[in-house]
PDB file of N, CA and C in Angstrom:
ATOM      1  N   MET A   1     -16.528 -54.381  -8.159  1.00  0.00           N
ATOM      2  CA  MET A   1     -17.744 -54.811  -7.769  1.00  0.00           C
ATOM      3  C   MET A   1     -18.449 -53.785  -6.852  1.00  0.00           C
ATOM      4  N   HIS A   2     -17.723 -52.998  -6.136  1.00  0.00           N
ATOM      5  CA  HIS A   2     -18.291 -51.981  -5.209  1.00  0.00           C
ATOM      6  C   HIS A   2     -18.709 -50.875  -6.125  1.00  0.00           C
ATOM      7  N   ARG A   3     -17.956 -50.560  -7.120  1.00  0.00           N
ATOM      8  CA  ARG A   3     -18.509 -49.398  -8.090  1.00  0.00           C
ATOM      9  C   ARG A   3     -19.732 -49.861  -8.773  1.00  0.00           C
ATOM     10  N   ARG A   4     -19.942 -51.004  -9.070  1.00  0.00           N
ATOM     11  CA  ARG A   4     -21.138 -51.422  -9.758  1.00  0.00           C
ATOM     12  C   ARG A   4     -22.367 -51.292  -8.796  1.00  0.00           C
ATOM     13  N   PHE A   5     -22.103 -51.674  -7.503  1.00  0.00           N
ATOM     14  CA  PHE A   5     -23.122 -51.645  -6.531  1.00  0.00           C
ATOM     15  C   PHE A   5     -23.524 -50.239  -6.327  1.00  0.00           C
ATOM     16  N   VAL A   6     -22.524 -49.289  -6.256  1.00  0.00           N
ATOM     17  CA  VAL A   6     -22.763 -47.916  -6.039  1.00  0.00           C
ATOM     18  C   VAL A   6     -23.611 -47.319  -7.220  1.00  0.00           C
ATOM     19  N   SER A   7     -23.179 -47.591  -8.409  1.00  0.00           N
ATOM     20  CA  SER A   7     -23.919 -47.145  -9.529  1.00  0.00           C
ATOM     21  C   SER A   7     -25.362 -47.645  -9.576  1.00  0.00           C
ATOM     22  N   ALA A   8     -25.631 -48.836  -9.334  1.00  0.00           N
ATOM     23  CA  ALA A   8     -26.885 -49.418  -9.283  1.00  0.00           C
ATOM     24  C   ALA A   8     -27.716 -48.698  -8.182  1.00  0.00           C
ATOM     25  N   ALA A   9     -27.076 -48.466  -7.015  1.00  0.00           N
ATOM     26  CA  ALA A   9     -27.832 -47.973  -5.892  1.00  0.00           C
ATOM     27  C   ALA A   9     -28.219 -46.438  -6.238  1.00  0.00           C
ATOM     28  N   VAL A  10     -27.263 -45.732  -6.916  1.00  0.00           N
ATOM     29  CA  VAL A  10     -27.638 -44.318  -7.308  1.00  0.00           C
ATOM     30  C   VAL A  10     -28.745 -44.403  -8.389  1.00  0.00           C
ATOM     31  N   LEU A  11     -28.768 -45.330  -9.321  1.00  0.00           N
ATOM     32  CA  LEU A  11     -29.757 -45.363 -10.378  1.00  0.00           C
ATOM     33  C   LEU A  11     -31.179 -45.638  -9.619  1.00  0.00           C
ATOM     34  N   ALA A  12     -31.103 -46.612  -8.648  1.00  0.00           N
ATOM     35  CA  ALA A  12     -32.374 -46.973  -8.009  1.00  0.00           C
ATOM     36  C   ALA A  12     -32.879 -45.795  -7.180  1.00  0.00           C
ATOM     37  N   SER A  13     -32.058 -45.044  -6.603  1.00  0.00           N
ATOM     38  CA  SER A  13     -32.508 -43.971  -5.711  1.00  0.00           C
ATOM     39  C   SER A  13     -33.065 -42.881  -6.594  1.00  0.00           C
ATOM     40  N   MET A  14     -32.455 -42.562  -7.843  1.00  0.00           N
ATOM     41  CA  MET A  14     -32.833 -41.605  -8.661  1.00  0.00           C
ATOM     42  C   MET A  14     -34.221 -41.989  -9.184  1.00  0.00           C
ATOM     43  N   ALA A  15     -34.500 -43.289  -9.508  1.00  0.00           N
ATOM     44  CA  ALA A  15     -35.656 -43.690 -10.084  1.00  0.00           C
ATOM     45  C   ALA A  15     -36.821 -43.491  -8.895  1.00  0.00           C
ATOM     46  N   LEU A  16     -36.505 -43.834  -7.688  1.00  0.00           N
ATOM     47  CA  LEU A  16     -37.434 -43.781  -6.816  1.00  0.00           C
ATOM     48  C   LEU A  16     -37.844 -42.256  -6.327  1.00  0.00           C
ATOM     49  N   LEU A  17     -36.887 -41.414  -6.383  1.00  0.00           N
ATOM     50  CA  LEU A  17     -37.069 -39.985  -6.042  1.00  0.00           C
ATOM     51  C   LEU A  17     -37.777 -39.406  -7.158  1.00  0.00           C
ATOM     52  N   ALA A  18     -37.693 -39.701  -8.456  1.00  0.00           N
ATOM     53  CA  ALA A  18     -38.330 -39.063  -9.547  1.00  0.00           C
ATOM     54  C   ALA A  18     -39.772 -39.531  -9.585  1.00  0.00           C
ATOM     55  N   TRP A  19     -40.092 -40.550  -8.969  1.00  0.00           N
ATOM     56  CA  TRP A  19     -41.604 -40.992  -9.038  1.00  0.00           C
ATOM     57  C   TRP A  19     -42.717 -40.087  -8.651  1.00  0.00           C
ATOM     58  N   PRO A  20     -42.598 -39.356  -7.603  1.00  0.00           N
ATOM     59  CA  PRO A  20     -43.690 -38.440  -7.210  1.00  0.00           C
ATOM     60  C   PRO A  20     -43.929 -37.362  -8.173  1.00  0.00           C
ATOM     61  N   VAL A  21     -42.852 -36.919  -8.941  1.00  0.00           N
ATOM     62  CA  VAL A  21     -43.091 -35.760  -9.776  1.00  0.00           C
ATOM     63  C   VAL A  21     -43.384 -36.242 -11.307  1.00  0.00           C
ATOM     64  N   ALA A  22     -43.561 -37.491 -11.494  1.00  0.00           N
ATOM     65  CA  ALA A  22     -43.930 -37.886 -12.862  1.00  0.00           C
ATOM     66  C   ALA A  22     -45.321 -37.493 -13.280  1.00  0.00           C
ATOM     67  N   ALA A  23     -45.412 -37.231 -14.532  1.00  0.00           N
ATOM     68  CA  ALA A  23     -46.620 -36.870 -15.153  1.00  0.00           C
ATOM     69  C   ALA A  23     -47.683 -37.894 -14.990  1.00  0.00           C
ATOM     70  N   GLN A  24     -48.974 -37.596 -15.093  1.00  0.00           N
ATOM     71  CA  GLN A  24     -49.975 -38.663 -14.953  1.00  0.00           C
ATOM     72  C   GLN A  24     -50.102 -39.634 -16.065  1.00  0.00           C
ATOM     73  N   ASN A  25     -49.698 -39.270 -17.231  1.00  0.00           N
ATOM     74  CA  ASN A  25     -49.715 -40.297 -18.361  1.00  0.00           C
ATOM     75  C   ASN A  25     -48.322 -40.856 -18.758  1.00  0.00           C
ATOM     76  N   TYR A  26     -47.385 -40.631 -17.726  1.00  0.00           N
ATOM     77  CA  TYR A  26     -45.966 -41.163 -18.012  1.00  0.00           C
ATOM     78  C   TYR A  26     -45.961 -42.487 -17.218  1.00  0.00           C
ATOM     79  N   PRO A  27     -45.287 -43.532 -17.619  1.00  0.00           N
ATOM     80  CA  PRO A  27     -44.770 -43.706 -18.983  1.00  0.00           C
ATOM     81  C   PRO A  27     -45.851 -44.186 -19.962  1.00  0.00           C
ATOM     82  N   SER A  28     -45.818 -43.643 -21.071  1.00  0.00           N
ATOM     83  CA  SER A  28     -46.759 -44.211 -22.129  1.00  0.00           C
ATOM     84  C   SER A  28     -46.277 -45.291 -23.052  1.00  0.00           C
ATOM     85  N   LYS A  29     -44.853 -45.525 -22.945  1.00  0.00           N
ATOM     86  CA  LYS A  29     -44.277 -46.556 -23.786  1.00  0.00           C
ATOM     87  C   LYS A  29     -43.546 -47.601 -22.903  1.00  0.00           C
ATOM     88  N   PRO A  30     -43.013 -48.646 -23.367  1.00  0.00           N
ATOM     89  CA  PRO A  30     -42.266 -49.679 -22.586  1.00  0.00           C
ATOM     90  C   PRO A  30     -40.944 -48.852 -22.120  1.00  0.00           C
ATOM     91  N   ILE A  31     -40.490 -49.139 -20.975  1.00  0.00           N
ATOM     92  CA  ILE A  31     -39.184 -48.614 -20.436  1.00  0.00           C
ATOM     93  C   ILE A  31     -38.110 -49.492 -20.839  1.00  0.00           C
ATOM     94  N   LYS A  32     -36.993 -48.907 -21.385  1.00  0.00           N
ATOM     95  CA  LYS A  32     -35.682 -49.695 -21.722  1.00  0.00           C
ATOM     96  C   LYS A  32     -34.575 -49.425 -20.674  1.00  0.00           C
ATOM     97  N   ILE A  33     -33.973 -50.416 -20.065  1.00  0.00           N
ATOM     98  CA  ILE A  33     -32.923 -50.214 -19.237  1.00  0.00           C
ATOM     99  C   ILE A  33     -31.646 -50.947 -19.937  1.00  0.00           C
ATOM    100  N   VAL A  34     -30.627 -50.206 -20.200  1.00  0.00           N
ATOM    101  CA  VAL A  34     -29.461 -50.806 -20.728  1.00  0.00           C
ATOM    102  C   VAL A  34     -28.403 -51.037 -19.675  1.00  0.00           C
ATOM    103  N   VAL A  35     -27.954 -52.226 -19.374  1.00  0.00           N
ATOM    104  CA  VAL A  35     -26.987 -52.611 -18.396  1.00  0.00           C
ATOM    105  C   VAL A  35     -25.652 -52.876 -19.107  1.00  0.00           C
ATOM    106  N   PRO A  36     -24.619 -52.045 -18.897  1.00  0.00           N
ATOM    107  CA  PRO A  36     -23.335 -52.205 -19.771  1.00  0.00           C
ATOM    108  C   PRO A  36     -22.430 -53.198 -19.061  1.00  0.00           C
ATOM    109  N   PHE A  37     -22.984 -54.219 -18.400  1.00  0.00           N
ATOM    110  CA  PHE A  37     -22.228 -55.353 -17.842  1.00  0.00           C
ATOM    111  C   PHE A  37     -22.843 -56.641 -18.224  1.00  0.00           C
ATOM    112  N   PRO A  38     -21.982 -57.876 -18.144  1.00  0.00           N
ATOM    113  CA  PRO A  38     -22.503 -59.073 -18.565  1.00  0.00           C
ATOM    114  C   PRO A  38     -23.785 -59.529 -17.574  1.00  0.00           C
ATOM    115  N   ALA A  39     -24.439 -60.385 -18.324  1.00  0.00           N
ATOM    116  CA  ALA A  39     -25.896 -60.875 -17.655  1.00  0.00           C
ATOM    117  C   ALA A  39     -25.401 -61.790 -16.413  1.00  0.00           C
ATOM    118  N   GLY A  40     -26.197 -61.709 -15.400  1.00  0.00           N
ATOM    119  CA  GLY A  40     -26.040 -62.459 -14.248  1.00  0.00           C
ATOM    120  C   GLY A  40     -25.145 -61.748 -13.158  1.00  0.00           C
ATOM    121  N   GLY A  41     -24.620 -60.636 -13.465  1.00  0.00           N
ATOM    122  CA  GLY A  41     -23.909 -59.758 -12.480  1.00  0.00           C
ATOM    123  C   GLY A  41     -24.706 -59.087 -11.549  1.00  0.00           C
ATOM    124  N   THR A  42     -24.143 -58.358 -10.585  1.00  0.00           N
ATOM    125  CA  THR A  42     -24.910 -57.693  -9.761  1.00  0.00           C
ATOM    126  C   THR A  42     -25.773 -56.555 -10.259  1.00  0.00           C
ATOM    127  N   SER A  43     -25.152 -55.826 -11.277  1.00  0.00           N
ATOM    128  CA  SER A  43     -25.945 -54.717 -11.879  1.00  0.00           C
ATOM    129  C   SER A  43     -27.193 -55.330 -12.698  1.00  0.00           C
ATOM    130  N   ASP A  44     -26.940 -56.327 -13.274  1.00  0.00           N
ATOM    131  CA  ASP A  44     -27.963 -57.019 -14.149  1.00  0.00           C
ATOM    132  C   ASP A  44     -29.230 -57.479 -13.199  1.00  0.00           C
ATOM    133  N   VAL A  45     -28.825 -58.141 -12.200  1.00  0.00           N
ATOM    134  CA  VAL A  45     -29.846 -58.637 -11.276  1.00  0.00           C
ATOM    135  C   VAL A  45     -30.644 -57.505 -10.658  1.00  0.00           C
ATOM    136  N   LEU A  46     -29.806 -56.493 -10.172  1.00  0.00           N
ATOM    137  CA  LEU A  46     -30.493 -55.317  -9.484  1.00  0.00           C
ATOM    138  C   LEU A  46     -31.382 -54.538 -10.502  1.00  0.00           C
ATOM    139  N   ALA A  47     -31.008 -54.413 -11.737  1.00  0.00           N
ATOM    140  CA  ALA A  47     -31.832 -53.808 -12.756  1.00  0.00           C
ATOM    141  C   ALA A  47     -33.016 -54.591 -13.114  1.00  0.00           C
ATOM    142  N   ARG A  48     -32.975 -55.905 -13.077  1.00  0.00           N
ATOM    143  CA  ARG A  48     -34.102 -56.750 -13.285  1.00  0.00           C
ATOM    144  C   ARG A  48     -35.106 -56.616 -12.176  1.00  0.00           C
ATOM    145  N   LEU A  49     -34.479 -56.481 -10.841  1.00  0.00           N
ATOM    146  CA  LEU A  49     -35.387 -56.358  -9.667  1.00  0.00           C
ATOM    147  C   LEU A  49     -36.198 -55.153  -9.795  1.00  0.00           C
ATOM    148  N   ILE A  50     -35.384 -54.043 -10.035  1.00  0.00           N
ATOM    149  CA  ILE A  50     -36.039 -52.646 -10.163  1.00  0.00           C
ATOM    150  C   ILE A  50     -36.943 -52.672 -11.329  1.00  0.00           C
ATOM    151  N   GLY A  51     -36.770 -53.243 -12.461  1.00  0.00           N
ATOM    152  CA  GLY A  51     -37.550 -53.345 -13.508  1.00  0.00           C
ATOM    153  C   GLY A  51     -39.024 -54.030 -13.181  1.00  0.00           C
ATOM    154  N   GLN A  52     -38.776 -55.051 -12.418  1.00  0.00           N
ATOM    155  CA  GLN A  52     -39.963 -55.852 -12.028  1.00  0.00           C
ATOM    156  C   GLN A  52     -40.924 -54.925 -11.195  1.00  0.00           C
ATOM    157  N   LYS A  53     -40.237 -54.250 -10.184  1.00  0.00           N
ATOM    158  CA  LYS A  53     -41.152 -53.430  -9.354  1.00  0.00           C
ATOM    159  C   LYS A  53     -41.698 -52.156 -10.137  1.00  0.00           C
ATOM    160  N   MET A  54     -40.943 -51.613 -11.117  1.00  0.00           N
ATOM    161  CA  MET A  54     -41.415 -50.595 -11.952  1.00  0.00           C
ATOM    162  C   MET A  54     -42.657 -51.173 -12.813  1.00  0.00           C
ATOM    163  N   THR A  55     -42.511 -52.362 -13.306  1.00  0.00           N
ATOM    164  CA  THR A  55     -43.704 -52.867 -14.003  1.00  0.00           C
ATOM    165  C   THR A  55     -44.968 -52.929 -13.157  1.00  0.00           C
ATOM    166  N   GLU A  56     -44.760 -53.485 -11.997  1.00  0.00           N
ATOM    167  CA  GLU A  56     -45.920 -53.647 -11.112  1.00  0.00           C
ATOM    168  C   GLU A  56     -46.509 -52.322 -10.722  1.00  0.00           C
ATOM    169  N   SER A  57     -45.717 -51.328 -10.455  1.00  0.00           N
ATOM    170  CA  SER A  57     -46.315 -49.989  -9.951  1.00  0.00           C
ATOM    171  C   SER A  57     -46.795 -49.150 -11.109  1.00  0.00           C
ATOM    172  N   TRP A  58     -46.004 -49.230 -12.291  1.00  0.00           N
ATOM    173  CA  TRP A  58     -46.507 -48.281 -13.324  1.00  0.00           C
ATOM    174  C   TRP A  58     -47.384 -48.976 -14.340  1.00  0.00           C
ATOM    175  N   GLY A  59     -47.424 -50.288 -14.406  1.00  0.00           N
ATOM    176  CA  GLY A  59     -48.322 -50.944 -15.393  1.00  0.00           C
ATOM    177  C   GLY A  59     -47.717 -50.948 -16.745  1.00  0.00           C
ATOM    178  N   GLN A  60     -46.494 -50.567 -17.050  1.00  0.00           N
ATOM    179  CA  GLN A  60     -45.772 -50.574 -18.329  1.00  0.00           C
ATOM    180  C   GLN A  60     -44.664 -51.589 -18.238  1.00  0.00           C
ATOM    181  N   PRO A  61     -44.432 -52.358 -19.358  1.00  0.00           N
ATOM    182  CA  PRO A  61     -43.377 -53.355 -19.341  1.00  0.00           C
ATOM    183  C   PRO A  61     -42.021 -52.659 -19.360  1.00  0.00           C
ATOM    184  N   VAL A  62     -41.046 -53.269 -18.618  1.00  0.00           N
ATOM    185  CA  VAL A  62     -39.668 -52.718 -18.448  1.00  0.00           C
ATOM    186  C   VAL A  62     -38.723 -53.795 -19.096  1.00  0.00           C
ATOM    187  N   VAL A  63     -37.994 -53.343 -20.132  1.00  0.00           N
ATOM    188  CA  VAL A  63     -37.015 -54.366 -20.817  1.00  0.00           C
ATOM    189  C   VAL A  63     -35.671 -54.076 -20.351  1.00  0.00           C
ATOM    190  N   VAL A  64     -34.995 -55.062 -19.816  1.00  0.00           N
ATOM    191  CA  VAL A  64     -33.665 -54.886 -19.381  1.00  0.00           C
ATOM    192  C   VAL A  64     -32.702 -55.617 -20.377  1.00  0.00           C
ATOM    193  N   ARG A  65     -31.818 -54.891 -20.947  1.00  0.00           N
ATOM    194  CA  ARG A  65     -30.887 -55.507 -21.948  1.00  0.00           C
ATOM    195  C   ARG A  65     -29.461 -55.279 -21.493  1.00  0.00           C
ATOM    196  N   THR A  66     -28.642 -56.369 -21.358  1.00  0.00           N
ATOM    197  CA  THR A  66     -27.257 -56.350 -21.112  1.00  0.00           C
ATOM    198  C   THR A  66     -26.438 -56.022 -22.329  1.00  0.00           C
ATOM    199  N   SER A  67     -25.378 -55.359 -22.173  1.00  0.00           N
ATOM    200  CA  SER A  67     -24.560 -54.929 -23.244  1.00  0.00           C
ATOM    201  C   SER A  67     -23.105 -55.049 -22.676  1.00  0.00           C
ATOM    202  N   PRO A  68     -22.581 -56.266 -22.607  1.00  0.00           N
ATOM    203  CA  PRO A  68     -21.349 -56.456 -21.892  1.00  0.00           C
ATOM    204  C   PRO A  68     -20.070 -56.033 -22.716  1.00  0.00           C
ATOM    205  N   ASP A  69     -20.303 -55.917 -24.131  1.00  0.00           N
ATOM    206  CA  ASP A  69     -19.164 -55.484 -24.822  1.00  0.00           C
ATOM    207  C   ASP A  69     -18.872 -53.981 -25.022  1.00  0.00           C
ATOM    208  N   ARG A  70     -19.705 -53.168 -24.236  1.00  0.00           N
ATOM    209  CA  ARG A  70     -19.743 -51.788 -24.177  1.00  0.00           C
ATOM    210  C   ARG A  70     -19.538 -51.259 -22.800  1.00  0.00           C
ATOM    211  N   VAL A  71     -18.845 -50.077 -22.685  1.00  0.00           N
ATOM    212  CA  VAL A  71     -18.642 -49.529 -21.528  1.00  0.00           C
ATOM    213  C   VAL A  71     -19.857 -48.549 -21.199  1.00  0.00           C
ATOM    214  N   ALA A  72     -19.873 -48.066 -19.991  1.00  0.00           N
ATOM    215  CA  ALA A  72     -21.235 -47.396 -19.562  1.00  0.00           C
ATOM    216  C   ALA A  72     -21.546 -46.261 -20.433  1.00  0.00           C
ATOM    217  N   THR A  73     -20.662 -45.495 -20.950  1.00  0.00           N
ATOM    218  CA  THR A  73     -20.909 -44.305 -21.716  1.00  0.00           C
ATOM    219  C   THR A  73     -21.447 -44.640 -23.075  1.00  0.00           C
ATOM    220  N   SER A  74     -21.101 -45.857 -23.735  1.00  0.00           N
ATOM    221  CA  SER A  74     -21.504 -46.082 -25.059  1.00  0.00           C
ATOM    222  C   SER A  74     -22.619 -47.095 -25.104  1.00  0.00           C
ATOM    223  N   ALA A  75     -23.058 -47.739 -24.021  1.00  0.00           N
ATOM    224  CA  ALA A  75     -24.220 -48.679 -24.115  1.00  0.00           C
ATOM    225  C   ALA A  75     -25.416 -48.100 -24.647  1.00  0.00           C
ATOM    226  N   PRO A  76     -25.848 -46.917 -24.372  1.00  0.00           N
ATOM    227  CA  PRO A  76     -27.073 -46.286 -24.947  1.00  0.00           C
ATOM    228  C   PRO A  76     -27.069 -46.110 -26.386  1.00  0.00           C
ATOM    229  N   MET A  77     -25.783 -46.196 -26.962  1.00  0.00           N
ATOM    230  CA  MET A  77     -25.687 -46.072 -28.398  1.00  0.00           C
ATOM    231  C   MET A  77     -26.257 -47.307 -29.266  1.00  0.00           C
ATOM    232  N   ARG A  78     -26.366 -48.316 -28.522  1.00  0.00           N
ATOM    233  CA  ARG A  78     -26.781 -49.490 -29.180  1.00  0.00           C
ATOM    234  C   ARG A  78     -28.326 -49.540 -29.511  1.00  0.00           C
ATOM    235  N   TRP A  79     -29.043 -48.748 -28.760  1.00  0.00           N
ATOM    236  CA  TRP A  79     -30.384 -48.659 -29.022  1.00  0.00           C
ATOM    237  C   TRP A  79     -30.703 -47.582 -30.135  1.00  0.00           C
ATOM    238  N   PRO A  80     -31.636 -47.996 -31.003  1.00  0.00           N
ATOM    239  CA  PRO A  80     -31.951 -47.049 -32.045  1.00  0.00           C
ATOM    240  C   PRO A  80     -32.682 -45.819 -31.463  1.00  0.00           C
ATOM    241  N   SER A  81     -32.341 -44.660 -32.090  1.00  0.00           N
ATOM    242  CA  SER A  81     -33.071 -43.490 -31.616  1.00  0.00           C
ATOM    243  C   SER A  81     -34.472 -43.333 -32.025  1.00  0.00           C
ATOM    244  N   PRO A  82     -35.333 -42.811 -31.233  1.00  0.00           N
ATOM    245  CA  PRO A  82     -36.744 -42.803 -31.596  1.00  0.00           C
ATOM    246  C   PRO A  82     -37.058 -41.618 -32.768  1.00  0.00           C
ATOM    247  N   HIS A  83     -35.981 -40.734 -32.844  1.00  0.00           N
ATOM    248  CA  HIS A  83     -36.058 -39.798 -33.795  1.00  0.00           C
ATOM    249  C   HIS A  83     -34.791 -39.870 -34.737  1.00  0.00           C
ATOM    250  N   PRO A  84     -34.925 -40.144 -35.960  1.00  0.00           N
ATOM    251  CA  PRO A  84     -33.863 -40.360 -36.998  1.00  0.00           C
ATOM    252  C   PRO A  84     -32.768 -39.230 -37.044  1.00  0.00           C
ATOM    253  N   MET A  85     -33.353 -37.927 -36.951  1.00  0.00           N
ATOM    254  CA  MET A  85     -32.392 -36.885 -36.930  1.00  0.00           C
ATOM    255  C   MET A  85     -31.773 -36.461 -35.704  1.00  0.00           C
ATOM    256  N   ALA A  86     -32.114 -37.214 -34.633  1.00  0.00           N
ATOM    257  CA  ALA A  86     -31.629 -36.890 -33.247  1.00  0.00           C
ATOM    258  C   ALA A  86     -30.068 -37.294 -33.142  1.00  0.00           C
ATOM    259  N   THR A  87     -29.377 -36.347 -32.452  1.00  0.00           N
ATOM    260  CA  THR A  87     -27.890 -36.662 -32.208  1.00  0.00           C
ATOM    261  C   THR A  87     -27.691 -36.990 -30.787  1.00  0.00           C
ATOM    262  N   ARG A  88     -26.607 -37.726 -30.499  1.00  0.00           N
ATOM    263  CA  ARG A  88     -26.255 -38.114 -29.180  1.00  0.00           C
ATOM    264  C   ARG A  88     -24.912 -37.474 -28.782  1.00  0.00           C
ATOM    265  N   SER A  89     -24.797 -37.237 -27.582  1.00  0.00           N
ATOM    266  CA  SER A  89     -23.653 -36.524 -27.106  1.00  0.00           C
ATOM    267  C   SER A  89     -22.524 -37.553 -26.664  1.00  0.00           C
ATOM    268  N   CYS A  90     -22.833 -38.764 -26.611  1.00  0.00           N
ATOM    269  CA  CYS A  90     -22.013 -39.825 -26.226  1.00  0.00           C
ATOM    270  C   CYS A  90     -20.804 -40.271 -27.210  1.00  0.00           C
TER     271      CYS A  90
END
């Protein structure tokens, strides 16, 4: 439980710190957040709260998807790549 909270807090702080250096036209597409834990948990609730605030401030929809059957390193593998020839290091 403590590890999830720390992970979510680090994610939130990174998102908030990166905001001032964002380009003017970013984000131009909906934002996808993959939570590798079951729905209703601390990580899921925190990701949805952060996503809601990001939607309000950036004007782009934020999609939060839970992936409880995957660990944190393989959860991004579930999303299709925007580039068919792209490779992933996970």
